[in-house]
Structures are given as structure tokens and as C-alpha cells.
Amino acid sequence: MNQPVAVASAQVSTVNGMALEGWWTRSLTEWGVLALVTEGPTHGFAVSRLTAPTGPIGKVWQVPRPRVYRTLDRLVELSLIEPSGTEPGRGGPERTLLAVTAPRRSAVDARLMQTARR
């Protein structure tokens, strides 16, 4: 269900001069959530709405809200995304915006393009 997406290290050892460490092999959920964050700064609630059964992504690929938040936390731990600001919540707490980290941006874009070509 949450299988890793792997790239043979012999094929890709660097992208734009950046060494590809263990983060290159991530689960489908991690890559999918990362792809949504790559579109622009967003927050967990927005990602969970997109991947809910009634959301545009959720119609073909669903991720439960708790898993979205765990995945975002994991991507922050891996330094793939980082907080980039806040925005007011609608009737709730302030929402933390997340964006792809600058040092990882080109490597993440390259990996997502490689996956899209498959």
C-alpha cells in the first residue's frame, strides 16, 4: 500500500551536483504529498482536502488526513520541505505553510519528472 519508490543509485548519484542521499527513496505517499507541496506553499489541511475521497486528487488516490500530517512531518524531518509562513485558519488555528526547501528544489523536481515519465 505504501511501497517505496526506488531509483537505482548506479543510474543517479547526483542531480545538478547535489548528492542524492537516502531521501531519494520515499514511499508513494511521501512522493505524492511532496509533489503537491512542490506546486507552491501549502498547509496540511489543504493537502488533506485534495487527497480526500471528494477532492480532485482523492478521486484517484486517497490519503487519510492523519497520514497527510504524518507525511508532512516526515518530509520536514528529511529537510525536503520547511515552514514558509502562516495564514489564518477559517474558524480555527493559524495554518503553517510548507514549501520545498531551496537546496532540494532542483533534485525534487528532477525526481518528480523522472517518475512522471514512467
C-alpha atoms as a PDB file:
ATOM      1  CA  MET A   1       0.000   0.000   0.000  1.00  0.00           C
ATOM      2  CA  ASN A   2       2.716   2.466   0.936  1.00  0.00           C
ATOM      3  CA  GLN A   3       5.557   0.941  -1.093  1.00  0.00           C
ATOM      4  CA  PRO A   4       8.874   2.746  -1.584  1.00  0.00           C
ATOM      5  CA  VAL A   5       9.645   4.229  -4.972  1.00  0.00           C
ATOM      6  CA  ALA A   6      13.277   3.384  -5.647  1.00  0.00           C
ATOM      7  CA  VAL A   7      15.872   4.675  -8.060  1.00  0.00           C
ATOM      8  CA  ALA A   8      18.981   2.635  -8.740  1.00  0.00           C
ATOM      9  CA  SER A   9      21.902   4.544  -7.274  1.00  0.00           C
ATOM     10  CA  ALA A  10      24.077   3.464 -10.211  1.00  0.00           C
ATOM     11  CA  GLN A  11      21.798   5.430 -12.542  1.00  0.00           C
ATOM     12  CA  VAL A  12      21.509   8.600 -10.496  1.00  0.00           C
ATOM     13  CA  SER A  13      24.115   9.615  -7.953  1.00  0.00           C
ATOM     14  CA  THR A  14      23.769  13.403  -8.236  1.00  0.00           C
ATOM     15  CA  VAL A  15      21.300  15.893  -9.622  1.00  0.00           C
ATOM     16  CA  ASN A  16      22.670  19.315 -10.507  1.00  0.00           C
ATOM     17  CA  GLY A  17      25.743  18.489  -8.451  1.00  0.00           C
ATOM     18  CA  MET A  18      23.748  17.551  -5.316  1.00  0.00           C
ATOM     19  CA  ALA A  19      24.467  14.130  -3.835  1.00  0.00           C
ATOM     20  CA  LEU A  20      21.351  12.034  -3.572  1.00  0.00           C
ATOM     21  CA  GLU A  21      21.138  10.629  -0.084  1.00  0.00           C
ATOM     22  CA  GLY A  22      18.666   8.175   1.420  1.00  0.00           C
ATOM     23  CA  TRP A  23      15.769  10.606   0.945  1.00  0.00           C
ATOM     24  CA  TRP A  24      15.721   9.723  -2.761  1.00  0.00           C
ATOM     25  CA  THR A  25      13.820   6.515  -1.952  1.00  0.00           C
ATOM     26  CA  ARG A  26      10.481   7.525  -0.487  1.00  0.00           C
ATOM     27  CA  SER A  27       7.043   5.942  -0.282  1.00  0.00           C
ATOM     28  CA  LEU A  28       4.349   6.675  -2.825  1.00  0.00           C
ATOM     29  CA  THR A  29       2.502   8.728  -0.207  1.00  0.00           C
ATOM     30  CA  GLU A  30       5.622  10.781   0.546  1.00  0.00           C
ATOM     31  CA  TRP A  31       6.269  11.479  -3.139  1.00  0.00           C
ATOM     32  CA  GLY A  32       2.611  12.297  -3.783  1.00  0.00           C
ATOM     33  CA  VAL A  33       2.385  14.732  -0.864  1.00  0.00           C
ATOM     34  CA  LEU A  34       5.768  16.196  -1.814  1.00  0.00           C
ATOM     35  CA  ALA A  35       4.517  16.730  -5.369  1.00  0.00           C
ATOM     36  CA  LEU A  36       1.534  18.689  -4.029  1.00  0.00           C
ATOM     37  CA  VAL A  37       3.790  20.857  -1.843  1.00  0.00           C
ATOM     38  CA  THR A  38       6.059  21.413  -4.853  1.00  0.00           C
ATOM     39  CA  GLU A  39       3.171  23.188  -6.591  1.00  0.00           C
ATOM     40  CA  GLY A  40       3.561  26.062  -4.120  1.00  0.00           C
ATOM     41  CA  PRO A  41       3.424  26.816  -0.409  1.00  0.00           C
ATOM     42  CA  THR A  42       0.507  24.984   1.160  1.00  0.00           C
ATOM     43  CA  HIS A  43      -0.666  23.602   4.504  1.00  0.00           C
ATOM     44  CA  GLY A  44      -1.705  20.185   5.734  1.00  0.00           C
ATOM     45  CA  PHE A  45      -5.422  20.919   5.682  1.00  0.00           C
ATOM     46  CA  ALA A  46      -5.256  21.934   2.001  1.00  0.00           C
ATOM     47  CA  VAL A  47      -3.325  18.781   1.087  1.00  0.00           C
ATOM     48  CA  SER A  48      -5.783  16.614   3.026  1.00  0.00           C
ATOM     49  CA  ARG A  49      -8.727  18.255   1.209  1.00  0.00           C
ATOM     50  CA  LEU A  50      -7.098  17.487  -2.150  1.00  0.00           C
ATOM     51  CA  THR A  51      -6.499  13.838  -1.235  1.00  0.00           C
ATOM     52  CA  ALA A  52      -9.869  13.257   0.488  1.00  0.00           C
ATOM     53  CA  PRO A  53     -12.330  10.978  -1.358  1.00  0.00           C
ATOM     54  CA  THR A  54     -14.251  14.035  -2.612  1.00  0.00           C
ATOM     55  CA  GLY A  55     -11.120  16.013  -3.586  1.00  0.00           C
ATOM     56  CA  PRO A  56      -9.749  16.215  -7.120  1.00  0.00           C
ATOM     57  CA  ILE A  57      -6.746  14.016  -6.282  1.00  0.00           C
ATOM     58  CA  GLY A  58      -8.739  11.805  -3.920  1.00  0.00           C
ATOM     59  CA  LYS A  59     -10.945  10.651  -6.765  1.00  0.00           C
ATOM     60  CA  VAL A  60      -7.988   8.586  -7.999  1.00  0.00           C
ATOM     61  CA  TRP A  61      -5.612   8.476  -4.993  1.00  0.00           C
ATOM     62  CA  GLN A  62      -6.722   8.926  -1.398  1.00  0.00           C
ATOM     63  CA  VAL A  63      -4.612   9.701   1.655  1.00  0.00           C
ATOM     64  CA  PRO A  64      -6.301   9.858   5.074  1.00  0.00           C
ATOM     65  CA  ARG A  65      -5.863  13.185   6.882  1.00  0.00           C
ATOM     66  CA  PRO A  66      -3.725  11.732   9.727  1.00  0.00           C
ATOM     67  CA  ARG A  67      -1.351  10.177   7.184  1.00  0.00           C
ATOM     68  CA  VAL A  68      -1.054  13.525   5.347  1.00  0.00           C
ATOM     69  CA  TYR A  69       0.094  15.228   8.555  1.00  0.00           C
ATOM     70  CA  ARG A  70       2.498  12.382   9.452  1.00  0.00           C
ATOM     71  CA  THR A  71       3.924  12.535   5.936  1.00  0.00           C
ATOM     72  CA  LEU A  72       4.398  16.303   6.109  1.00  0.00           C
ATOM     73  CA  ASP A  73       6.187  15.910   9.449  1.00  0.00           C
ATOM     74  CA  ARG A  74       8.444  13.251   7.917  1.00  0.00           C
ATOM     75  CA  LEU A  75       9.262  15.446   4.912  1.00  0.00           C
ATOM     76  CA  VAL A  76      10.216  18.269   7.300  1.00  0.00           C
ATOM     77  CA  GLU A  77      12.468  15.841   9.230  1.00  0.00           C
ATOM     78  CA  LEU A  78      14.172  14.920   5.943  1.00  0.00           C
ATOM     79  CA  SER A  79      14.669  18.638   5.128  1.00  0.00           C
ATOM     80  CA  LEU A  80      12.689  18.245   1.914  1.00  0.00           C
ATOM     81  CA  ILE A  81      10.107  20.823   2.974  1.00  0.00           C
ATOM     82  CA  GLU A  82      10.143  23.578   5.559  1.00  0.00           C
ATOM     83  CA  PRO A  83       7.741  26.071   7.134  1.00  0.00           C
ATOM     84  CA  SER A  84       7.481  29.147   4.947  1.00  0.00           C
ATOM     85  CA  GLY A  85       4.929  31.250   6.778  1.00  0.00           C
ATOM     86  CA  THR A  86       1.445  31.142   8.235  1.00  0.00           C
ATOM     87  CA  GLU A  87      -2.059  32.047   7.199  1.00  0.00           C
ATOM     88  CA  PRO A  88      -5.220  32.488   9.241  1.00  0.00           C
ATOM     89  CA  GLY A  89      -7.416  29.427   9.556  1.00  0.00           C
ATOM     90  CA  ARG A  90     -11.105  29.648   8.800  1.00  0.00           C
ATOM     91  CA  GLY A  91     -12.682  29.333  12.206  1.00  0.00           C
ATOM     92  CA  GLY A  92      -9.649  27.501  13.570  1.00  0.00           C
ATOM     93  CA  PRO A  93      -5.981  27.951  14.406  1.00  0.00           C
ATOM     94  CA  GLU A  94      -3.393  29.597  12.188  1.00  0.00           C
ATOM     95  CA  ARG A  95      -2.113  27.280   9.476  1.00  0.00           C
ATOM     96  CA  THR A  96       1.589  26.730   8.873  1.00  0.00           C
ATOM     97  CA  LEU A  97       2.517  26.983   5.212  1.00  0.00           C
ATOM     98  CA  LEU A  98       5.088  24.496   3.945  1.00  0.00           C
ATOM     99  CA  ALA A  99       7.309  24.728   0.860  1.00  0.00           C
ATOM    100  CA  VAL A 100      10.069  22.675  -0.731  1.00  0.00           C
ATOM    101  CA  THR A 101      13.460  23.670   0.667  1.00  0.00           C
ATOM    102  CA  ALA A 102      15.648  25.685  -1.698  1.00  0.00           C
ATOM    103  CA  PRO A 103      18.650  23.299  -1.592  1.00  0.00           C
ATOM    104  CA  ARG A 104      16.424  20.350  -2.539  1.00  0.00           C
ATOM    105  CA  ARG A 105      14.237  22.052  -5.135  1.00  0.00           C
ATOM    106  CA  SER A 106      16.100  21.016  -8.294  1.00  0.00           C
ATOM    107  CA  ALA A 107      16.645  17.447  -7.075  1.00  0.00           C
ATOM    108  CA  VAL A 108      12.971  17.087  -6.124  1.00  0.00           C
ATOM    109  CA  ASP A 109      11.863  18.499  -9.492  1.00  0.00           C
ATOM    110  CA  ALA A 110      14.192  16.079 -11.324  1.00  0.00           C
ATOM    111  CA  ARG A 111      12.855  13.101  -9.364  1.00  0.00           C
ATOM    112  CA  LEU A 112       9.233  14.043  -9.901  1.00  0.00           C
ATOM    113  CA  MET A 113       9.858  14.467 -13.640  1.00  0.00           C
ATOM    114  CA  GLN A 114      11.582  11.085 -13.771  1.00  0.00           C
ATOM    115  CA  THR A 115       8.588   9.472 -12.034  1.00  0.00           C
ATOM    116  CA  ALA A 116       6.138  11.218 -14.378  1.00  0.00           C
ATOM    117  CA  ARG A 117       7.919   9.787 -17.426  1.00  0.00           C
ATOM    118  CA  ARG A 118       7.427   6.191 -16.196  1.00  0.00           C
END
